[in-house]
Structure formats: C-alpha cells, structure tokens
N, C-alpha and C. Protein backbone atom coordinates (compact mmCIF):
# COMPACT_ATOMS: atom_id res chain seq x y z
N UNK A 1 59.40 16.77 25.62
CA UNK A 1 58.62 18.00 25.69
C UNK A 1 58.48 18.45 27.14
N UNK A 2 58.32 19.72 27.29
CA UNK A 2 58.18 20.24 28.64
C UNK A 2 56.72 20.15 29.07
N UNK A 3 56.49 20.28 30.34
CA UNK A 3 55.13 20.20 30.88
C UNK A 3 54.27 21.35 30.38
N UNK A 4 54.90 22.47 30.09
CA UNK A 4 54.16 23.63 29.58
C UNK A 4 53.62 23.35 28.19
N UNK A 5 54.38 22.65 27.38
CA UNK A 5 53.96 22.37 26.01
C UNK A 5 52.89 21.29 25.94
N UNK A 6 52.82 20.41 26.93
CA UNK A 6 51.87 19.29 26.87
C UNK A 6 50.58 19.53 27.63
N UNK A 7 50.47 20.63 28.38
CA UNK A 7 49.26 20.81 29.19
C UNK A 7 47.99 20.97 28.35
N UNK A 8 48.02 21.61 27.15
CA UNK A 8 46.77 21.68 26.39
C UNK A 8 46.27 20.28 25.97
N UNK A 9 47.19 19.42 25.57
CA UNK A 9 46.80 18.06 25.18
C UNK A 9 46.28 17.28 26.38
N UNK A 10 46.91 17.48 27.52
CA UNK A 10 46.46 16.80 28.73
C UNK A 10 45.07 17.30 29.15
N UNK A 11 44.87 18.61 29.05
CA UNK A 11 43.56 19.18 29.41
C UNK A 11 42.49 18.68 28.44
N UNK A 12 42.83 18.60 27.18
CA UNK A 12 41.87 18.12 26.18
C UNK A 12 41.49 16.67 26.45
N UNK A 13 42.47 15.82 26.72
CA UNK A 13 42.16 14.41 26.97
C UNK A 13 41.37 14.25 28.27
N UNK A 14 41.68 15.07 29.29
CA UNK A 14 40.92 14.99 30.54
C UNK A 14 39.47 15.41 30.30
N UNK A 15 39.25 16.51 29.54
CA UNK A 15 37.89 16.95 29.25
C UNK A 15 37.15 15.92 28.41
N UNK A 16 37.84 15.26 27.48
CA UNK A 16 37.20 14.22 26.68
C UNK A 16 36.75 13.05 27.56
N UNK A 17 37.59 12.70 28.55
CA UNK A 17 37.21 11.60 29.45
C UNK A 17 36.00 11.98 30.30
N UNK A 18 35.86 13.25 30.64
CA UNK A 18 34.76 13.70 31.48
C UNK A 18 33.46 13.82 30.69
N UNK A 19 33.57 14.06 29.40
CA UNK A 19 32.37 14.14 28.56
C UNK A 19 32.03 15.56 28.16
N UNK A 20 30.93 15.67 27.42
CA UNK A 20 30.49 16.97 26.90
C UNK A 20 30.15 17.99 27.99
N UNK A 21 29.54 17.59 29.11
CA UNK A 21 29.27 18.60 30.14
C UNK A 21 30.53 19.30 30.64
N UNK A 22 31.64 18.57 30.70
CA UNK A 22 32.90 19.20 31.14
C UNK A 22 33.35 20.24 30.14
N UNK A 23 33.20 19.96 28.85
CA UNK A 23 33.56 20.94 27.82
C UNK A 23 32.68 22.18 27.94
N UNK A 24 31.40 21.98 28.17
CA UNK A 24 30.48 23.12 28.28
C UNK A 24 30.82 23.95 29.52
N UNK A 25 31.11 23.29 30.62
CA UNK A 25 31.48 24.02 31.85
C UNK A 25 32.77 24.79 31.63
N UNK A 26 33.75 24.17 30.95
CA UNK A 26 35.01 24.87 30.68
C UNK A 26 34.76 26.09 29.80
N UNK A 27 33.87 25.96 28.83
CA UNK A 27 33.58 27.09 27.95
C UNK A 27 32.90 28.22 28.74
N UNK A 28 31.93 27.87 29.57
CA UNK A 28 31.23 28.90 30.36
C UNK A 28 32.21 29.59 31.31
N UNK A 29 33.06 28.81 31.95
CA UNK A 29 34.07 29.41 32.83
C UNK A 29 35.02 30.30 32.04
N UNK A 30 35.36 29.88 30.84
CA UNK A 30 36.22 30.71 29.99
C UNK A 30 35.56 32.04 29.68
N UNK A 31 34.24 32.02 29.40
CA UNK A 31 33.53 33.28 29.16
C UNK A 31 33.51 34.15 30.41
N UNK A 32 33.35 33.52 31.57
CA UNK A 32 33.29 34.29 32.82
C UNK A 32 34.64 34.92 33.13
N UNK A 33 35.71 34.15 33.01
CA UNK A 33 37.05 34.64 33.35
C UNK A 33 37.52 35.68 32.35
N UNK A 34 37.50 35.33 31.06
CA UNK A 34 37.98 36.25 30.03
C UNK A 34 37.30 35.82 28.74
N UNK A 35 36.40 36.64 28.20
CA UNK A 35 35.52 36.23 27.12
C UNK A 35 36.23 35.67 25.89
N UNK A 36 37.44 36.15 25.51
CA UNK A 36 38.08 35.52 24.35
C UNK A 36 38.44 34.04 24.58
N UNK A 37 38.72 33.68 25.83
CA UNK A 37 39.01 32.27 26.13
C UNK A 37 37.76 31.43 25.90
N UNK A 38 36.62 31.90 26.37
CA UNK A 38 35.37 31.18 26.15
C UNK A 38 35.03 31.09 24.67
N UNK A 39 35.27 32.17 23.95
CA UNK A 39 35.01 32.18 22.51
C UNK A 39 35.94 31.21 21.79
N UNK A 40 37.19 31.18 22.21
CA UNK A 40 38.14 30.24 21.60
C UNK A 40 37.74 28.80 21.88
N UNK A 41 37.30 28.52 23.10
CA UNK A 41 36.85 27.17 23.43
C UNK A 41 35.61 26.79 22.62
N UNK A 42 34.69 27.72 22.46
CA UNK A 42 33.50 27.45 21.67
C UNK A 42 33.87 27.16 20.22
N UNK A 43 34.75 27.97 19.66
CA UNK A 43 35.20 27.74 18.29
C UNK A 43 35.89 26.39 18.14
N UNK A 44 36.72 26.03 19.11
CA UNK A 44 37.41 24.74 19.06
C UNK A 44 36.41 23.59 19.18
N UNK A 45 35.42 23.75 20.04
CA UNK A 45 34.43 22.69 20.22
C UNK A 45 33.62 22.48 18.93
N UNK A 46 33.30 23.55 18.25
CA UNK A 46 32.55 23.43 16.99
C UNK A 46 33.45 22.87 15.91
N UNK A 47 34.68 23.36 15.82
CA UNK A 47 35.61 22.91 14.78
C UNK A 47 35.96 21.43 14.93
N UNK A 48 36.09 20.95 16.17
CA UNK A 48 36.49 19.56 16.40
C UNK A 48 35.28 18.63 16.52
N UNK A 49 34.09 19.13 16.23
CA UNK A 49 32.85 18.34 16.28
C UNK A 49 32.54 17.79 17.67
N UNK A 50 32.94 18.50 18.69
CA UNK A 50 32.62 18.06 20.04
C UNK A 50 31.19 18.48 20.43
N UNK A 51 30.56 19.32 19.63
CA UNK A 51 29.20 19.76 19.94
C UNK A 51 28.14 18.94 19.19
N UNK A 52 28.55 17.99 18.34
CA UNK A 52 27.57 17.19 17.63
C UNK A 52 27.05 16.10 18.52
N UNK A 53 25.85 15.66 18.22
CA UNK A 53 25.24 14.59 19.00
C UNK A 53 25.55 13.27 18.28
N UNK A 54 26.62 12.65 18.68
CA UNK A 54 27.08 11.44 17.98
C UNK A 54 26.08 10.29 18.11
N UNK A 55 25.40 10.18 19.22
CA UNK A 55 24.49 9.05 19.39
C UNK A 55 23.33 9.13 18.40
N UNK A 56 22.80 10.32 18.16
CA UNK A 56 21.71 10.46 17.20
C UNK A 56 22.21 10.26 15.78
N UNK A 57 23.39 10.77 15.46
CA UNK A 57 23.92 10.61 14.11
C UNK A 57 24.23 9.16 13.81
N UNK A 58 24.81 8.46 14.75
CA UNK A 58 25.17 7.08 14.48
C UNK A 58 23.93 6.21 14.30
N UNK A 59 22.85 6.60 14.91
CA UNK A 59 21.62 5.83 14.78
C UNK A 59 21.13 5.85 13.34
N UNK A 60 21.32 6.99 12.64
CA UNK A 60 20.82 7.10 11.28
C UNK A 60 21.89 6.81 10.24
N UNK A 61 23.12 7.17 10.49
CA UNK A 61 24.16 7.03 9.48
C UNK A 61 24.90 5.71 9.56
N UNK A 62 25.05 5.15 10.74
CA UNK A 62 25.86 3.97 10.89
C UNK A 62 25.15 2.67 10.58
N UNK A 63 23.85 2.66 10.57
CA UNK A 63 23.11 1.42 10.37
C UNK A 63 22.85 1.19 8.89
N UNK A 64 23.16 0.01 8.39
CA UNK A 64 22.87 -0.25 6.99
C UNK A 64 21.37 -0.30 6.72
N UNK A 65 20.98 0.14 5.53
CA UNK A 65 19.56 0.21 5.20
C UNK A 65 18.95 -1.17 5.01
N UNK A 66 19.75 -2.17 4.69
CA UNK A 66 19.21 -3.49 4.40
C UNK A 66 19.06 -4.36 5.65
N UNK A 67 19.37 -3.86 6.81
CA UNK A 67 19.27 -4.65 8.02
C UNK A 67 17.82 -4.98 8.30
N UNK A 68 17.55 -6.24 8.48
CA UNK A 68 16.18 -6.68 8.72
C UNK A 68 15.82 -6.64 10.19
N UNK A 69 14.52 -6.69 10.43
CA UNK A 69 14.02 -6.67 11.80
C UNK A 69 13.78 -8.06 12.34
N UNK A 70 13.78 -9.04 11.45
CA UNK A 70 13.47 -10.40 11.88
C UNK A 70 12.04 -10.77 11.57
N UNK A 71 11.19 -9.81 11.27
CA UNK A 71 9.80 -10.06 10.90
C UNK A 71 9.71 -9.95 9.38
N UNK A 72 9.51 -11.09 8.72
CA UNK A 72 9.54 -11.13 7.26
C UNK A 72 8.43 -10.28 6.64
N UNK A 73 7.26 -10.27 7.24
CA UNK A 73 6.15 -9.49 6.68
C UNK A 73 6.46 -8.00 6.76
N UNK A 74 6.97 -7.56 7.89
CA UNK A 74 7.30 -6.15 8.04
C UNK A 74 8.44 -5.75 7.10
N UNK A 75 9.46 -6.62 7.01
CA UNK A 75 10.59 -6.31 6.13
C UNK A 75 10.14 -6.20 4.67
N UNK A 76 9.21 -7.07 4.24
CA UNK A 76 8.69 -7.00 2.87
C UNK A 76 7.90 -5.71 2.67
N UNK A 77 7.07 -5.36 3.65
CA UNK A 77 6.29 -4.12 3.58
C UNK A 77 7.22 -2.91 3.52
N UNK A 78 8.25 -2.93 4.35
CA UNK A 78 9.20 -1.82 4.40
C UNK A 78 9.93 -1.69 3.06
N UNK A 79 10.39 -2.81 2.50
CA UNK A 79 11.09 -2.77 1.22
C UNK A 79 10.18 -2.26 0.12
N UNK A 80 8.93 -2.70 0.10
CA UNK A 80 7.98 -2.26 -0.91
C UNK A 80 7.69 -0.77 -0.77
N UNK A 81 7.51 -0.32 0.45
CA UNK A 81 7.23 1.10 0.69
C UNK A 81 8.42 1.97 0.28
N UNK A 82 9.63 1.55 0.63
CA UNK A 82 10.81 2.32 0.25
C UNK A 82 10.98 2.36 -1.27
N UNK A 83 10.72 1.23 -1.93
CA UNK A 83 10.82 1.20 -3.39
C UNK A 83 9.79 2.13 -4.02
N UNK A 84 8.57 2.11 -3.49
CA UNK A 84 7.51 2.98 -4.00
C UNK A 84 7.85 4.45 -3.78
N UNK A 85 8.38 4.78 -2.61
CA UNK A 85 8.76 6.17 -2.34
C UNK A 85 9.90 6.64 -3.24
N UNK A 86 10.86 5.76 -3.51
CA UNK A 86 11.95 6.12 -4.42
C UNK A 86 11.42 6.37 -5.83
N UNK A 87 10.47 5.53 -6.27
CA UNK A 87 9.87 5.74 -7.60
C UNK A 87 9.11 7.06 -7.65
N UNK A 88 8.35 7.36 -6.59
CA UNK A 88 7.62 8.62 -6.55
C UNK A 88 8.57 9.80 -6.54
N UNK A 89 9.68 9.67 -5.83
CA UNK A 89 10.66 10.76 -5.80
C UNK A 89 11.24 10.97 -7.19
N UNK A 90 11.57 9.90 -7.89
CA UNK A 90 12.10 10.03 -9.25
C UNK A 90 11.07 10.67 -10.18
N UNK A 91 9.80 10.26 -10.05
CA UNK A 91 8.75 10.84 -10.88
C UNK A 91 8.57 12.32 -10.57
N UNK A 92 8.63 12.68 -9.30
CA UNK A 92 8.47 14.08 -8.92
C UNK A 92 9.64 14.92 -9.43
N UNK A 93 10.86 14.38 -9.33
CA UNK A 93 12.02 15.11 -9.84
C UNK A 93 11.93 15.29 -11.35
N UNK A 94 11.42 14.27 -12.06
CA UNK A 94 11.23 14.39 -13.51
C UNK A 94 10.16 15.45 -13.82
N UNK A 95 9.10 15.48 -13.01
CA UNK A 95 8.05 16.49 -13.18
C UNK A 95 8.61 17.89 -12.98
N UNK A 96 9.41 18.06 -11.93
CA UNK A 96 10.02 19.37 -11.69
C UNK A 96 10.93 19.78 -12.84
N UNK A 97 11.67 18.82 -13.39
CA UNK A 97 12.54 19.13 -14.52
C UNK A 97 11.73 19.56 -15.73
N UNK A 98 10.59 18.88 -15.98
CA UNK A 98 9.73 19.28 -17.10
C UNK A 98 9.17 20.68 -16.87
N UNK A 99 8.82 21.01 -15.63
CA UNK A 99 8.33 22.37 -15.33
C UNK A 99 9.42 23.41 -15.59
N UNK A 100 10.65 23.10 -15.15
CA UNK A 100 11.76 24.04 -15.37
C UNK A 100 12.01 24.23 -16.86
N UNK A 101 11.98 23.11 -17.61
CA UNK A 101 12.19 23.20 -19.05
C UNK A 101 11.11 24.03 -19.72
N UNK A 102 9.85 23.82 -19.31
CA UNK A 102 8.74 24.57 -19.90
C UNK A 102 8.87 26.06 -19.57
N UNK A 103 9.25 26.37 -18.33
CA UNK A 103 9.43 27.76 -17.92
C UNK A 103 10.57 28.41 -18.72
N UNK A 104 11.67 27.68 -18.86
CA UNK A 104 12.80 28.20 -19.63
C UNK A 104 12.39 28.46 -21.08
N UNK A 105 11.64 27.53 -21.67
CA UNK A 105 11.21 27.70 -23.05
C UNK A 105 10.28 28.91 -23.18
N UNK A 106 9.35 29.07 -22.22
CA UNK A 106 8.44 30.20 -22.26
C UNK A 106 9.21 31.52 -22.13
N UNK A 107 10.19 31.56 -21.24
CA UNK A 107 10.98 32.78 -21.07
C UNK A 107 11.80 33.07 -22.32
N UNK A 108 12.35 32.05 -22.92
CA UNK A 108 13.12 32.24 -24.14
C UNK A 108 12.23 32.72 -25.28
N UNK A 109 11.04 32.11 -25.42
CA UNK A 109 10.10 32.53 -26.46
C UNK A 109 9.69 33.99 -26.26
N UNK A 110 9.48 34.38 -24.99
CA UNK A 110 9.12 35.76 -24.70
C UNK A 110 10.27 36.69 -25.08
N UNK A 111 11.48 36.30 -24.78
CA UNK A 111 12.65 37.09 -25.12
C UNK A 111 12.74 37.27 -26.64
N UNK A 112 12.56 36.18 -27.39
CA UNK A 112 12.64 36.25 -28.84
C UNK A 112 11.53 37.14 -29.39
N UNK A 113 10.30 37.02 -28.87
CA UNK A 113 9.19 37.85 -29.32
C UNK A 113 9.47 39.33 -29.07
N UNK A 114 9.99 39.65 -27.88
CA UNK A 114 10.30 41.04 -27.56
C UNK A 114 11.44 41.56 -28.44
N UNK A 115 12.35 40.71 -28.77
CA UNK A 115 13.48 41.11 -29.60
C UNK A 115 13.04 41.36 -31.05
N UNK A 116 12.07 40.59 -31.51
CA UNK A 116 11.60 40.74 -32.89
C UNK A 116 10.70 41.96 -33.06
N UNK A 117 9.95 42.34 -32.02
CA UNK A 117 9.02 43.47 -32.14
C UNK A 117 9.71 44.76 -32.52
N UNK A 118 10.79 45.17 -31.85
CA UNK A 118 11.45 46.41 -32.30
C UNK A 118 12.04 46.27 -33.69
N UNK A 119 12.52 45.09 -34.04
CA UNK A 119 13.09 44.91 -35.37
C UNK A 119 12.00 45.01 -36.44
N UNK A 120 10.82 44.48 -36.16
CA UNK A 120 9.69 44.57 -37.10
C UNK A 120 9.19 46.01 -37.22
N UNK A 121 9.20 46.72 -36.07
CA UNK A 121 8.76 48.11 -36.07
C UNK A 121 9.70 48.99 -36.88
N UNK A 122 10.98 48.73 -36.85
CA UNK A 122 11.94 49.51 -37.63
C UNK A 122 11.85 49.16 -39.11
N UNK A 123 11.52 47.94 -39.44
CA UNK A 123 11.45 47.51 -40.85
C UNK A 123 10.24 48.11 -41.53
N UNK A 124 9.14 48.40 -40.80
CA UNK A 124 7.93 48.94 -41.42
C UNK A 124 8.01 50.44 -41.62
N UNK A 125 8.95 51.09 -41.01
CA UNK A 125 9.04 52.56 -41.13
C UNK A 125 9.64 52.99 -42.38
C-alpha cells in the first residue's frame, strides 16, 4: 500500500495511543479548519464508541454479581437484600399487569356498552 492510503489508519492509531483528549482536540481543530471535517470526526468518534466512558461501564458491566467482598455478614445481607428487591420487582410488575388487564377490560366493556346502545335504540323504534 502507498503512504497515502495508510495515513488514516496511522493517524487513528496515533490518536488512540494519545487518548481521548487527542481525539477531542483533533475534532475541535477539524471544526476550526473546515466544519465538515470536525463533523466527520465527531460522527466517527460516536460511531466507533470512542466517546464512551469505558472505565465507568466496565465497573458495572464487567464485574460478576456474585463476587464477594470477603465479609460474610455483608455478603449475606447483600444477597438477602437483592433477593428481596427482585421479589418486590416481580410483585410490582404483576401488579402493573393486573392494572393493565383491568383497564383493558373496562375499556372493552365500555366499547360493548356503547355499541349496544344504538342497537337497542333502533330495536325499540
């Protein structure tokens, strides 16, 4: 490959080595020089997930839920609390489903009542 064809990959790897501030500076400079370049860099940064905060995400997504702290009392309390919260969530979701079902039934009953009224009015005439 020629040097012209490989410079975008080289620039990308250099910016990755420098970190997120280098990407932000490149984007700002792109906006200053010619706004479509800055917009293209911003779009690429969002598309390639270079704007996400990996350290915060990995803290919540990468750690298994069953990892203990080493304190047996706290781990038991934590497990009990999580189990209780999951049960409450299931109960609440069941409650919401019963509310939706009751609302649907009431709306359907209202529809049937309204539909029967004109039919009854025509039959009595």
